[in-house]
N, C-alpha and C. Protein backbone atom coordinates (compact mmCIF):
# COMPACT_ATOMS: atom_id res chain seq x y z
N UNK A 1 -34.61 15.09 -11.38
CA UNK A 1 -33.48 14.36 -10.87
C UNK A 1 -32.16 15.02 -11.30
N UNK A 2 -32.15 15.57 -12.50
CA UNK A 2 -30.94 16.23 -12.98
C UNK A 2 -30.67 17.49 -12.15
N UNK A 3 -31.74 18.21 -11.80
CA UNK A 3 -31.57 19.39 -10.95
C UNK A 3 -31.02 19.00 -9.58
N UNK A 4 -31.54 17.89 -9.02
CA UNK A 4 -31.03 17.41 -7.73
C UNK A 4 -29.56 17.02 -7.83
N UNK A 5 -29.20 16.38 -8.92
CA UNK A 5 -27.82 15.98 -9.13
C UNK A 5 -26.91 17.20 -9.24
N UNK A 6 -27.35 18.22 -9.96
CA UNK A 6 -26.56 19.46 -10.06
C UNK A 6 -26.43 20.13 -8.70
N UNK A 7 -27.52 20.13 -7.93
CA UNK A 7 -27.49 20.74 -6.59
C UNK A 7 -26.50 20.01 -5.68
N UNK A 8 -26.54 18.69 -5.72
CA UNK A 8 -25.61 17.91 -4.90
C UNK A 8 -24.18 18.14 -5.37
N UNK A 9 -23.96 18.24 -6.68
CA UNK A 9 -22.62 18.50 -7.22
C UNK A 9 -22.07 19.83 -6.75
N UNK A 10 -22.91 20.86 -6.72
CA UNK A 10 -22.43 22.17 -6.24
C UNK A 10 -22.17 22.14 -4.73
N UNK A 11 -22.99 21.38 -3.99
CA UNK A 11 -22.76 21.24 -2.55
C UNK A 11 -21.42 20.56 -2.28
N UNK A 12 -21.12 19.51 -3.03
CA UNK A 12 -19.85 18.80 -2.87
C UNK A 12 -18.69 19.73 -3.19
N UNK A 13 -18.82 20.51 -4.23
CA UNK A 13 -17.76 21.46 -4.60
C UNK A 13 -17.53 22.48 -3.50
N UNK A 14 -18.61 23.00 -2.90
CA UNK A 14 -18.47 23.96 -1.81
C UNK A 14 -17.79 23.33 -0.58
N UNK A 15 -18.19 22.11 -0.27
CA UNK A 15 -17.59 21.43 0.88
C UNK A 15 -16.11 21.18 0.65
N UNK A 16 -15.75 20.76 -0.56
CA UNK A 16 -14.34 20.53 -0.88
C UNK A 16 -13.53 21.82 -0.80
N UNK A 17 -14.12 22.93 -1.23
CA UNK A 17 -13.44 24.22 -1.12
C UNK A 17 -13.22 24.60 0.34
N UNK A 18 -14.22 24.34 1.19
CA UNK A 18 -14.09 24.61 2.61
C UNK A 18 -12.99 23.75 3.24
N UNK A 19 -12.98 22.47 2.88
CA UNK A 19 -11.95 21.57 3.41
C UNK A 19 -10.58 22.03 2.95
N UNK A 20 -10.46 22.42 1.69
CA UNK A 20 -9.17 22.88 1.17
C UNK A 20 -8.69 24.12 1.91
N UNK A 21 -9.59 25.03 2.23
CA UNK A 21 -9.21 26.23 3.00
C UNK A 21 -8.75 25.86 4.41
N UNK A 22 -9.45 24.91 5.04
CA UNK A 22 -9.09 24.51 6.39
C UNK A 22 -7.79 23.70 6.42
N UNK A 23 -7.41 23.09 5.31
CA UNK A 23 -6.18 22.30 5.24
C UNK A 23 -4.95 23.13 4.87
N UNK A 24 -5.13 24.39 4.55
CA UNK A 24 -3.98 25.22 4.16
C UNK A 24 -2.87 25.27 5.20
N UNK A 25 -3.16 25.35 6.50
CA UNK A 25 -2.06 25.34 7.47
C UNK A 25 -1.26 24.03 7.48
N UNK A 26 -1.87 22.97 6.98
CA UNK A 26 -1.23 21.66 6.99
C UNK A 26 -0.81 21.23 5.58
N UNK A 27 -0.58 22.19 4.71
CA UNK A 27 -0.30 21.90 3.31
C UNK A 27 0.97 21.07 3.12
N UNK A 28 1.97 21.26 3.98
CA UNK A 28 3.19 20.46 3.85
C UNK A 28 2.90 18.97 4.05
N UNK A 29 2.09 18.64 5.04
CA UNK A 29 1.73 17.25 5.29
C UNK A 29 0.89 16.69 4.14
N UNK A 30 -0.03 17.50 3.62
CA UNK A 30 -0.85 17.07 2.48
C UNK A 30 0.04 16.80 1.28
N UNK A 31 0.98 17.70 1.00
CA UNK A 31 1.88 17.51 -0.14
C UNK A 31 2.76 16.27 0.04
N UNK A 32 3.13 15.97 1.26
CA UNK A 32 3.92 14.77 1.52
C UNK A 32 3.11 13.52 1.18
N UNK A 33 1.86 13.48 1.61
CA UNK A 33 1.01 12.32 1.30
C UNK A 33 0.73 12.21 -0.19
N UNK A 34 0.66 13.33 -0.88
CA UNK A 34 0.35 13.31 -2.32
C UNK A 34 1.46 12.67 -3.15
N UNK A 35 2.66 12.53 -2.60
CA UNK A 35 3.75 11.92 -3.36
C UNK A 35 3.63 10.39 -3.42
N UNK A 36 2.80 9.80 -2.59
CA UNK A 36 2.62 8.35 -2.57
C UNK A 36 1.68 7.94 -3.70
N UNK A 37 2.04 6.90 -4.48
CA UNK A 37 1.13 6.44 -5.54
C UNK A 37 -0.20 5.99 -4.96
N UNK A 38 -1.29 6.39 -5.61
CA UNK A 38 -2.62 6.00 -5.18
C UNK A 38 -3.30 7.01 -4.27
N UNK A 39 -2.60 8.06 -3.85
CA UNK A 39 -3.20 9.04 -2.95
C UNK A 39 -3.43 10.34 -3.70
N UNK A 40 -4.67 10.77 -3.69
CA UNK A 40 -5.05 12.06 -4.28
C UNK A 40 -5.51 12.99 -3.15
N UNK A 41 -6.02 14.14 -3.49
CA UNK A 41 -6.32 15.18 -2.49
C UNK A 41 -7.27 14.73 -1.38
N UNK A 42 -8.38 14.10 -1.75
CA UNK A 42 -9.36 13.70 -0.72
C UNK A 42 -8.74 12.72 0.27
N UNK A 43 -7.99 11.76 -0.25
CA UNK A 43 -7.35 10.80 0.64
C UNK A 43 -6.27 11.47 1.49
N UNK A 44 -5.51 12.38 0.89
CA UNK A 44 -4.48 13.09 1.66
C UNK A 44 -5.12 13.90 2.79
N UNK A 45 -6.23 14.54 2.51
CA UNK A 45 -6.93 15.31 3.54
C UNK A 45 -7.39 14.38 4.67
N UNK A 46 -7.93 13.21 4.30
CA UNK A 46 -8.39 12.25 5.30
C UNK A 46 -7.23 11.77 6.15
N UNK A 47 -6.09 11.46 5.52
CA UNK A 47 -4.94 10.97 6.26
C UNK A 47 -4.40 12.02 7.22
N UNK A 48 -4.36 13.27 6.78
CA UNK A 48 -3.89 14.34 7.66
C UNK A 48 -4.89 14.55 8.80
N UNK A 49 -6.18 14.45 8.50
CA UNK A 49 -7.19 14.65 9.54
C UNK A 49 -7.13 13.53 10.58
N UNK A 50 -6.87 12.31 10.17
CA UNK A 50 -6.89 11.18 11.09
C UNK A 50 -5.56 10.99 11.82
N UNK A 51 -4.45 11.13 11.10
CA UNK A 51 -3.13 10.91 11.71
C UNK A 51 -2.60 12.19 12.33
N UNK A 52 -2.86 13.28 11.67
CA UNK A 52 -2.33 14.57 12.10
C UNK A 52 -1.20 15.00 11.18
N UNK A 53 -0.81 16.27 11.25
CA UNK A 53 0.25 16.75 10.36
C UNK A 53 1.64 16.27 10.76
N UNK A 54 1.79 15.80 11.98
CA UNK A 54 3.05 15.23 12.44
C UNK A 54 2.74 13.87 13.07
N UNK A 55 3.79 13.12 13.35
CA UNK A 55 3.59 11.79 13.94
C UNK A 55 4.07 11.74 15.38
N UNK A 56 4.05 12.88 16.05
CA UNK A 56 4.54 12.95 17.42
C UNK A 56 3.70 12.12 18.39
N UNK A 57 2.45 11.86 18.06
CA UNK A 57 1.58 11.09 18.95
C UNK A 57 1.93 9.61 18.97
N UNK A 58 2.72 9.15 17.98
CA UNK A 58 3.04 7.73 17.87
C UNK A 58 4.53 7.52 18.12
N UNK A 59 4.88 6.63 19.06
CA UNK A 59 6.30 6.38 19.34
C UNK A 59 7.02 5.69 18.19
N UNK A 60 6.29 4.88 17.41
CA UNK A 60 6.92 4.17 16.30
C UNK A 60 5.92 3.98 15.17
N UNK A 61 6.45 3.56 14.02
CA UNK A 61 5.58 3.28 12.88
C UNK A 61 4.66 2.10 13.18
N UNK A 62 5.16 1.13 13.92
CA UNK A 62 4.34 -0.03 14.30
C UNK A 62 3.14 0.36 15.15
N UNK A 63 3.35 1.33 16.04
CA UNK A 63 2.23 1.80 16.87
C UNK A 63 1.16 2.47 16.02
N UNK A 64 1.59 3.25 15.03
CA UNK A 64 0.62 3.93 14.18
C UNK A 64 -0.12 2.93 13.31
N UNK A 65 0.58 1.94 12.77
CA UNK A 65 -0.04 0.91 11.95
C UNK A 65 -1.03 0.09 12.77
N UNK A 66 -0.66 -0.23 13.99
CA UNK A 66 -1.55 -0.97 14.88
C UNK A 66 -2.79 -0.15 15.23
N UNK A 67 -2.60 1.14 15.49
CA UNK A 67 -3.72 2.02 15.81
C UNK A 67 -4.69 2.12 14.64
N UNK A 68 -4.15 2.09 13.42
CA UNK A 68 -5.01 2.17 12.23
C UNK A 68 -5.73 0.85 11.95
N UNK A 69 -5.21 -0.25 12.49
CA UNK A 69 -5.85 -1.54 12.28
C UNK A 69 -5.46 -2.20 10.96
N UNK A 70 -4.25 -1.91 10.46
CA UNK A 70 -3.81 -2.52 9.21
C UNK A 70 -2.55 -3.37 9.43
N UNK A 71 -2.38 -3.87 10.65
CA UNK A 71 -1.26 -4.78 10.91
C UNK A 71 -1.82 -6.20 10.96
N UNK A 72 -0.99 -7.19 10.61
CA UNK A 72 -1.49 -8.56 10.64
C UNK A 72 -1.78 -9.01 12.06
N UNK A 73 -2.78 -9.84 12.19
CA UNK A 73 -3.13 -10.37 13.51
C UNK A 73 -2.08 -11.36 13.98
N UNK A 74 -2.02 -11.58 15.27
CA UNK A 74 -1.04 -12.49 15.84
C UNK A 74 -1.72 -13.31 16.92
N UNK A 75 -2.31 -14.41 16.53
CA UNK A 75 -3.00 -15.27 17.48
C UNK A 75 -2.34 -16.65 17.41
N UNK A 76 -1.32 -16.85 18.21
CA UNK A 76 -0.61 -18.12 18.25
C UNK A 76 -0.79 -18.74 19.62
N UNK A 77 -0.96 -20.05 19.62
CA UNK A 77 -1.00 -20.78 20.87
C UNK A 77 -0.44 -22.17 20.62
N UNK A 78 0.42 -22.61 21.50
CA UNK A 78 1.05 -23.93 21.41
C UNK A 78 1.77 -24.11 20.08
N UNK A 79 2.34 -23.04 19.55
CA UNK A 79 3.09 -23.13 18.31
C UNK A 79 2.25 -23.16 17.06
N UNK A 80 0.93 -23.05 17.21
CA UNK A 80 0.05 -23.06 16.04
C UNK A 80 -0.54 -21.68 15.83
N UNK A 81 -0.60 -21.27 14.60
CA UNK A 81 -1.20 -19.98 14.27
C UNK A 81 -2.68 -20.20 14.03
N UNK A 82 -3.50 -19.52 14.80
CA UNK A 82 -4.94 -19.75 14.72
C UNK A 82 -5.65 -18.80 13.77
N UNK A 83 -5.47 -17.52 13.96
CA UNK A 83 -6.21 -16.56 13.15
C UNK A 83 -5.31 -15.38 12.81
N UNK A 84 -5.44 -14.90 11.59
CA UNK A 84 -4.63 -13.76 11.17
C UNK A 84 -5.47 -12.53 10.96
N UNK A 85 -6.64 -12.48 11.59
CA UNK A 85 -7.50 -11.32 11.39
C UNK A 85 -6.87 -10.08 12.01
N UNK A 86 -7.09 -8.97 11.37
CA UNK A 86 -6.55 -7.71 11.87
C UNK A 86 -7.43 -7.18 12.98
N UNK A 87 -6.86 -6.31 13.79
CA UNK A 87 -7.64 -5.74 14.89
C UNK A 87 -8.51 -4.60 14.36
N UNK A 88 -9.51 -4.27 15.09
CA UNK A 88 -10.38 -3.16 14.71
C UNK A 88 -9.71 -1.87 15.13
N UNK A 89 -9.23 -1.13 14.17
CA UNK A 89 -8.55 0.13 14.46
C UNK A 89 -9.45 1.30 14.12
N UNK A 90 -8.85 2.39 13.75
CA UNK A 90 -9.58 3.58 13.34
C UNK A 90 -10.28 3.29 12.01
N UNK A 91 -11.61 3.22 11.99
CA UNK A 91 -12.31 2.79 10.77
C UNK A 91 -12.15 3.76 9.60
N UNK A 92 -12.09 5.05 9.87
CA UNK A 92 -11.97 6.03 8.79
C UNK A 92 -10.58 5.98 8.16
N UNK A 93 -9.58 5.85 9.00
CA UNK A 93 -8.21 5.76 8.50
C UNK A 93 -8.00 4.46 7.74
N UNK A 94 -8.51 3.38 8.29
CA UNK A 94 -8.38 2.09 7.62
C UNK A 94 -9.05 2.10 6.26
N UNK A 95 -10.23 2.68 6.19
CA UNK A 95 -10.96 2.76 4.92
C UNK A 95 -10.19 3.59 3.91
N UNK A 96 -9.63 4.71 4.34
CA UNK A 96 -8.86 5.56 3.44
C UNK A 96 -7.59 4.85 2.96
N UNK A 97 -6.93 4.12 3.86
CA UNK A 97 -5.72 3.39 3.48
C UNK A 97 -6.03 2.26 2.51
N UNK A 98 -7.15 1.58 2.71
CA UNK A 98 -7.53 0.51 1.78
C UNK A 98 -7.86 1.09 0.41
N UNK A 99 -8.51 2.23 0.38
CA UNK A 99 -8.79 2.89 -0.90
C UNK A 99 -7.49 3.28 -1.60
N UNK A 100 -6.55 3.81 -0.84
CA UNK A 100 -5.25 4.17 -1.41
C UNK A 100 -4.50 2.93 -1.89
N UNK A 101 -4.61 1.84 -1.15
CA UNK A 101 -3.93 0.60 -1.53
C UNK A 101 -4.51 0.03 -2.83
N UNK A 102 -5.83 0.09 -3.00
CA UNK A 102 -6.43 -0.37 -4.25
C UNK A 102 -5.95 0.48 -5.41
N UNK A 103 -5.91 1.78 -5.20
CA UNK A 103 -5.43 2.67 -6.27
C UNK A 103 -3.96 2.43 -6.57
N UNK A 104 -3.16 2.21 -5.53
CA UNK A 104 -1.73 1.96 -5.73
C UNK A 104 -1.51 0.62 -6.43
N UNK A 105 -2.37 -0.35 -6.18
CA UNK A 105 -2.21 -1.65 -6.84
C UNK A 105 -2.49 -1.56 -8.33
N UNK A 106 -3.16 -0.53 -8.75
CA UNK A 106 -3.46 -0.32 -10.17
C UNK A 106 -2.43 0.59 -10.85
N UNK A 107 -1.58 1.26 -10.07
CA UNK A 107 -0.59 2.17 -10.65
C UNK A 107 0.51 1.35 -11.30
N UNK A 108 0.87 1.71 -12.50
CA UNK A 108 1.81 0.91 -13.28
C UNK A 108 3.26 1.22 -12.92
N UNK A 109 4.06 0.19 -12.83
CA UNK A 109 5.48 0.34 -12.63
C UNK A 109 5.89 0.88 -11.28
N UNK A 110 5.19 0.47 -10.21
CA UNK A 110 5.53 0.96 -8.87
C UNK A 110 5.81 -0.21 -7.94
N UNK A 111 6.52 0.08 -6.88
CA UNK A 111 6.82 -0.90 -5.85
C UNK A 111 5.53 -1.43 -5.23
N UNK A 112 4.57 -0.54 -4.97
CA UNK A 112 3.33 -0.96 -4.31
C UNK A 112 2.53 -1.91 -5.18
N UNK A 113 2.52 -1.69 -6.49
CA UNK A 113 1.84 -2.61 -7.39
C UNK A 113 2.53 -3.97 -7.39
N UNK A 114 3.87 -3.97 -7.42
CA UNK A 114 4.61 -5.22 -7.40
C UNK A 114 4.37 -5.97 -6.08
N UNK A 115 4.32 -5.24 -4.98
CA UNK A 115 4.05 -5.86 -3.69
C UNK A 115 2.66 -6.47 -3.68
N UNK A 116 1.67 -5.74 -4.18
CA UNK A 116 0.30 -6.25 -4.21
C UNK A 116 0.23 -7.53 -5.05
N UNK A 117 0.81 -7.51 -6.24
CA UNK A 117 0.74 -8.69 -7.11
C UNK A 117 1.44 -9.89 -6.50
N UNK A 118 2.60 -9.66 -5.91
CA UNK A 118 3.36 -10.75 -5.31
C UNK A 118 2.57 -11.39 -4.16
N UNK A 119 1.99 -10.55 -3.30
CA UNK A 119 1.26 -11.07 -2.15
C UNK A 119 -0.12 -11.62 -2.52
N UNK A 120 -0.76 -11.02 -3.53
CA UNK A 120 -2.07 -11.51 -3.94
C UNK A 120 -1.97 -12.92 -4.51
N UNK A 121 -0.87 -13.21 -5.19
CA UNK A 121 -0.67 -14.56 -5.73
C UNK A 121 -0.47 -15.57 -4.61
N UNK A 122 0.14 -15.15 -3.51
CA UNK A 122 0.42 -16.07 -2.40
C UNK A 122 -0.71 -16.13 -1.38
N UNK A 123 -1.26 -14.98 -1.01
CA UNK A 123 -2.19 -14.91 0.12
C UNK A 123 -3.61 -14.50 -0.24
N UNK A 124 -3.81 -13.99 -1.45
CA UNK A 124 -5.12 -13.51 -1.86
C UNK A 124 -5.16 -12.00 -1.87
N UNK A 125 -6.10 -11.42 -2.62
CA UNK A 125 -6.11 -9.97 -2.80
C UNK A 125 -6.46 -9.17 -1.54
N UNK A 126 -7.27 -9.71 -0.66
CA UNK A 126 -7.65 -8.95 0.54
C UNK A 126 -6.48 -8.81 1.50
N UNK A 127 -5.74 -9.88 1.70
CA UNK A 127 -4.56 -9.80 2.57
C UNK A 127 -3.48 -8.93 1.94
N UNK A 128 -3.36 -9.04 0.63
CA UNK A 128 -2.38 -8.19 -0.07
C UNK A 128 -2.76 -6.72 0.07
N UNK A 129 -4.04 -6.43 0.04
CA UNK A 129 -4.51 -5.06 0.20
C UNK A 129 -4.12 -4.50 1.56
N UNK A 130 -4.31 -5.27 2.61
CA UNK A 130 -3.95 -4.84 3.95
C UNK A 130 -2.44 -4.64 4.05
N UNK A 131 -1.67 -5.51 3.42
CA UNK A 131 -0.21 -5.38 3.45
C UNK A 131 0.24 -4.11 2.74
N UNK A 132 -0.39 -3.78 1.62
CA UNK A 132 -0.03 -2.55 0.90
C UNK A 132 -0.46 -1.33 1.72
N UNK A 133 -1.62 -1.40 2.35
CA UNK A 133 -2.06 -0.30 3.23
C UNK A 133 -1.07 -0.11 4.37
N UNK A 134 -0.58 -1.22 4.92
CA UNK A 134 0.44 -1.18 5.97
C UNK A 134 1.70 -0.49 5.45
N UNK A 135 2.13 -0.84 4.26
CA UNK A 135 3.33 -0.23 3.67
C UNK A 135 3.15 1.26 3.43
N UNK A 136 1.97 1.66 2.98
CA UNK A 136 1.70 3.08 2.73
C UNK A 136 1.77 3.86 4.04
N UNK A 137 1.14 3.33 5.09
CA UNK A 137 1.12 4.05 6.36
C UNK A 137 2.51 4.07 7.00
N UNK A 138 3.25 2.98 6.88
CA UNK A 138 4.62 2.96 7.41
C UNK A 138 5.50 3.96 6.69
N UNK A 139 5.38 3.99 5.37
CA UNK A 139 6.15 4.98 4.59
C UNK A 139 5.73 6.40 4.96
N UNK A 140 4.43 6.60 5.15
CA UNK A 140 3.93 7.92 5.54
C UNK A 140 4.46 8.36 6.89
N UNK A 141 4.59 7.41 7.83
CA UNK A 141 5.13 7.73 9.14
C UNK A 141 6.54 8.30 9.00
N UNK A 142 7.38 7.58 8.26
CA UNK A 142 8.77 8.02 8.11
C UNK A 142 8.89 9.28 7.25
N UNK A 143 8.01 9.43 6.29
CA UNK A 143 8.04 10.66 5.47
C UNK A 143 7.70 11.87 6.33
N UNK A 144 6.68 11.76 7.16
CA UNK A 144 6.30 12.88 8.02
C UNK A 144 7.34 13.12 9.10
N UNK A 145 7.92 12.05 9.64
CA UNK A 145 8.92 12.19 10.69
C UNK A 145 10.19 12.86 10.16
N UNK A 146 10.60 12.48 8.95
CA UNK A 146 11.85 12.99 8.40
C UNK A 146 11.67 14.16 7.44
N UNK A 147 10.42 14.59 7.23
CA UNK A 147 10.08 15.69 6.32
C UNK A 147 10.65 15.44 4.93
N UNK A 148 10.40 14.24 4.39
CA UNK A 148 10.83 13.89 3.05
C UNK A 148 9.61 13.49 2.22
N UNK A 149 9.86 13.16 0.97
CA UNK A 149 8.79 12.70 0.09
C UNK A 149 8.98 11.21 -0.19
N UNK A 150 8.01 10.62 -0.84
CA UNK A 150 8.03 9.19 -1.14
C UNK A 150 9.12 8.89 -2.15
N UNK A 151 9.93 7.88 -1.85
CA UNK A 151 10.99 7.44 -2.75
C UNK A 151 10.57 6.11 -3.37
N UNK A 152 10.34 6.13 -4.67
CA UNK A 152 9.89 4.94 -5.39
C UNK A 152 11.03 3.93 -5.51
N UNK A 153 10.79 2.68 -5.09
CA UNK A 153 11.79 1.62 -5.17
C UNK A 153 11.77 0.92 -6.52
N UNK A 154 10.65 0.99 -7.21
CA UNK A 154 10.53 0.37 -8.53
C UNK A 154 9.90 -1.01 -8.46
N UNK A 155 9.34 -1.46 -9.58
CA UNK A 155 8.65 -2.76 -9.58
C UNK A 155 9.59 -3.95 -9.48
N UNK A 156 10.87 -3.78 -9.81
CA UNK A 156 11.82 -4.89 -9.77
C UNK A 156 12.55 -4.98 -8.43
N UNK A 157 12.11 -4.26 -7.43
CA UNK A 157 12.79 -4.22 -6.15
C UNK A 157 12.92 -5.61 -5.53
N UNK A 158 11.84 -6.39 -5.56
CA UNK A 158 11.85 -7.70 -4.92
C UNK A 158 12.80 -8.66 -5.64
N UNK A 159 12.89 -8.56 -6.98
CA UNK A 159 13.80 -9.41 -7.72
C UNK A 159 15.25 -9.00 -7.50
N UNK A 160 15.50 -7.70 -7.39
CA UNK A 160 16.87 -7.22 -7.18
C UNK A 160 17.37 -7.52 -5.77
N UNK A 161 16.46 -7.58 -4.82
CA UNK A 161 16.83 -7.80 -3.43
C UNK A 161 17.46 -9.18 -3.23
N UNK A 162 16.93 -10.18 -3.92
CA UNK A 162 17.47 -11.53 -3.81
C UNK A 162 17.42 -12.16 -5.20
N UNK A 163 18.48 -11.96 -5.97
CA UNK A 163 18.50 -12.43 -7.36
C UNK A 163 18.56 -13.95 -7.46
N UNK A 164 19.21 -14.60 -6.50
CA UNK A 164 19.29 -16.07 -6.53
C UNK A 164 17.90 -16.66 -6.37
N UNK A 165 17.13 -16.15 -5.42
CA UNK A 165 15.78 -16.65 -5.20
C UNK A 165 14.89 -16.37 -6.42
N UNK A 166 15.03 -15.21 -7.01
CA UNK A 166 14.23 -14.87 -8.19
C UNK A 166 14.59 -15.79 -9.35
N UNK A 167 15.86 -16.08 -9.52
CA UNK A 167 16.28 -16.97 -10.61
C UNK A 167 15.71 -18.37 -10.40
N UNK A 168 15.81 -18.89 -9.18
CA UNK A 168 15.25 -20.22 -8.89
C UNK A 168 13.75 -20.26 -9.13
N UNK A 169 13.07 -19.22 -8.68
CA UNK A 169 11.62 -19.17 -8.86
C UNK A 169 11.25 -19.18 -10.33
N UNK A 170 11.96 -18.39 -11.14
CA UNK A 170 11.65 -18.32 -12.57
C UNK A 170 12.01 -19.61 -13.29
N UNK A 171 13.10 -20.26 -12.90
CA UNK A 171 13.47 -21.55 -13.51
C UNK A 171 12.41 -22.59 -13.18
N UNK A 172 11.93 -22.61 -11.92
CA UNK A 172 10.87 -23.55 -11.55
C UNK A 172 9.60 -23.29 -12.35
N UNK A 173 9.32 -22.03 -12.56
CA UNK A 173 8.12 -21.68 -13.34
C UNK A 173 8.26 -22.15 -14.79
N UNK A 174 9.43 -21.96 -15.37
CA UNK A 174 9.66 -22.43 -16.74
C UNK A 174 9.59 -23.95 -16.81
N UNK A 175 10.12 -24.64 -15.80
CA UNK A 175 10.04 -26.09 -15.78
C UNK A 175 8.59 -26.55 -15.65
N UNK A 176 7.81 -25.85 -14.85
CA UNK A 176 6.39 -26.21 -14.69
C UNK A 176 5.64 -26.06 -16.00
N UNK A 177 6.06 -25.10 -16.81
CA UNK A 177 5.43 -24.92 -18.12
C UNK A 177 6.04 -25.83 -19.18
N UNK A 178 7.00 -26.68 -18.76
CA UNK A 178 7.71 -27.58 -19.65
C UNK A 178 8.42 -26.82 -20.77
N UNK A 179 8.85 -25.63 -20.46
CA UNK A 179 9.53 -24.79 -21.45
C UNK A 179 11.01 -25.13 -21.52
N UNK A 180 11.62 -25.42 -20.37
CA UNK A 180 13.05 -25.71 -20.34
C UNK A 180 13.37 -27.00 -21.07
N UNK A 181 12.54 -27.99 -20.94
CA UNK A 181 12.79 -29.26 -21.59
C UNK A 181 12.83 -29.13 -23.10
N UNK A 182 12.01 -28.26 -23.65
CA UNK A 182 11.94 -28.12 -25.10
C UNK A 182 13.04 -27.24 -25.65
N UNK A 183 13.34 -26.14 -24.99
CA UNK A 183 14.24 -25.15 -25.58
C UNK A 183 15.66 -25.25 -25.08
N UNK A 184 15.85 -25.07 -23.77
CA UNK A 184 17.19 -24.87 -23.23
C UNK A 184 17.97 -26.17 -23.05
N UNK A 185 17.31 -27.25 -22.67
CA UNK A 185 18.05 -28.49 -22.47
C UNK A 185 18.58 -29.00 -23.80
N UNK A 186 17.87 -28.77 -24.87
CA UNK A 186 18.36 -29.20 -26.18
C UNK A 186 19.53 -28.35 -26.65
N UNK A 187 19.62 -27.09 -26.16
CA UNK A 187 20.73 -26.23 -26.56
C UNK A 187 21.93 -26.39 -25.65
N UNK A 188 21.82 -27.16 -24.59
CA UNK A 188 22.96 -27.42 -23.70
C UNK A 188 23.16 -26.39 -22.62
N UNK A 189 22.24 -25.45 -22.39
CA UNK A 189 22.37 -24.45 -21.33
C UNK A 189 22.07 -25.10 -19.98
N UNK A 190 22.85 -24.73 -18.98
CA UNK A 190 22.63 -25.25 -17.63
C UNK A 190 22.19 -24.09 -16.75
N UNK A 191 20.95 -24.12 -16.32
CA UNK A 191 20.39 -23.02 -15.53
C UNK A 191 20.27 -23.37 -14.06
N UNK A 192 20.86 -24.43 -13.60
CA UNK A 192 20.74 -24.83 -12.21
C UNK A 192 21.60 -23.98 -11.33
């Protein structure tokens, strides 16, 4: 079994070397994808193979996200939302994006991790995963279109975007823990 494992390991190494040689003409696109948190060489190769080195085939980022199958479903009738299931898109691209989203959700101090945590608390981890995959592909569209690299917004982006809402949310959280009643109200601070 150890000999079989070594044989399979050498086969994988040879295949990866072949893929790396075939990806050399598209190295700029691969390097662009590598700047996104959670994406390593294998995933970058998959994304370039599925999307292409440019985004000329897609009129907009929404079209590319829809084609990949990582956009939220939209099934409304009579003002009621029935189902939020995503459409069946490109299965290989979707799988690669979900893998990248899981890896990005584990990366410390990044916008994608903050987005995953915020949405997972509200909607659950699977929906948050699709949302992060959507963000990765949307960012990739604009990076390839504009020939730029990934610009990290930081984990505090959502709090900085709307500080009043963040303050209210945190005050409500402290009140729910009965922390404000014990500490701040006795000191005379007004946090409303």
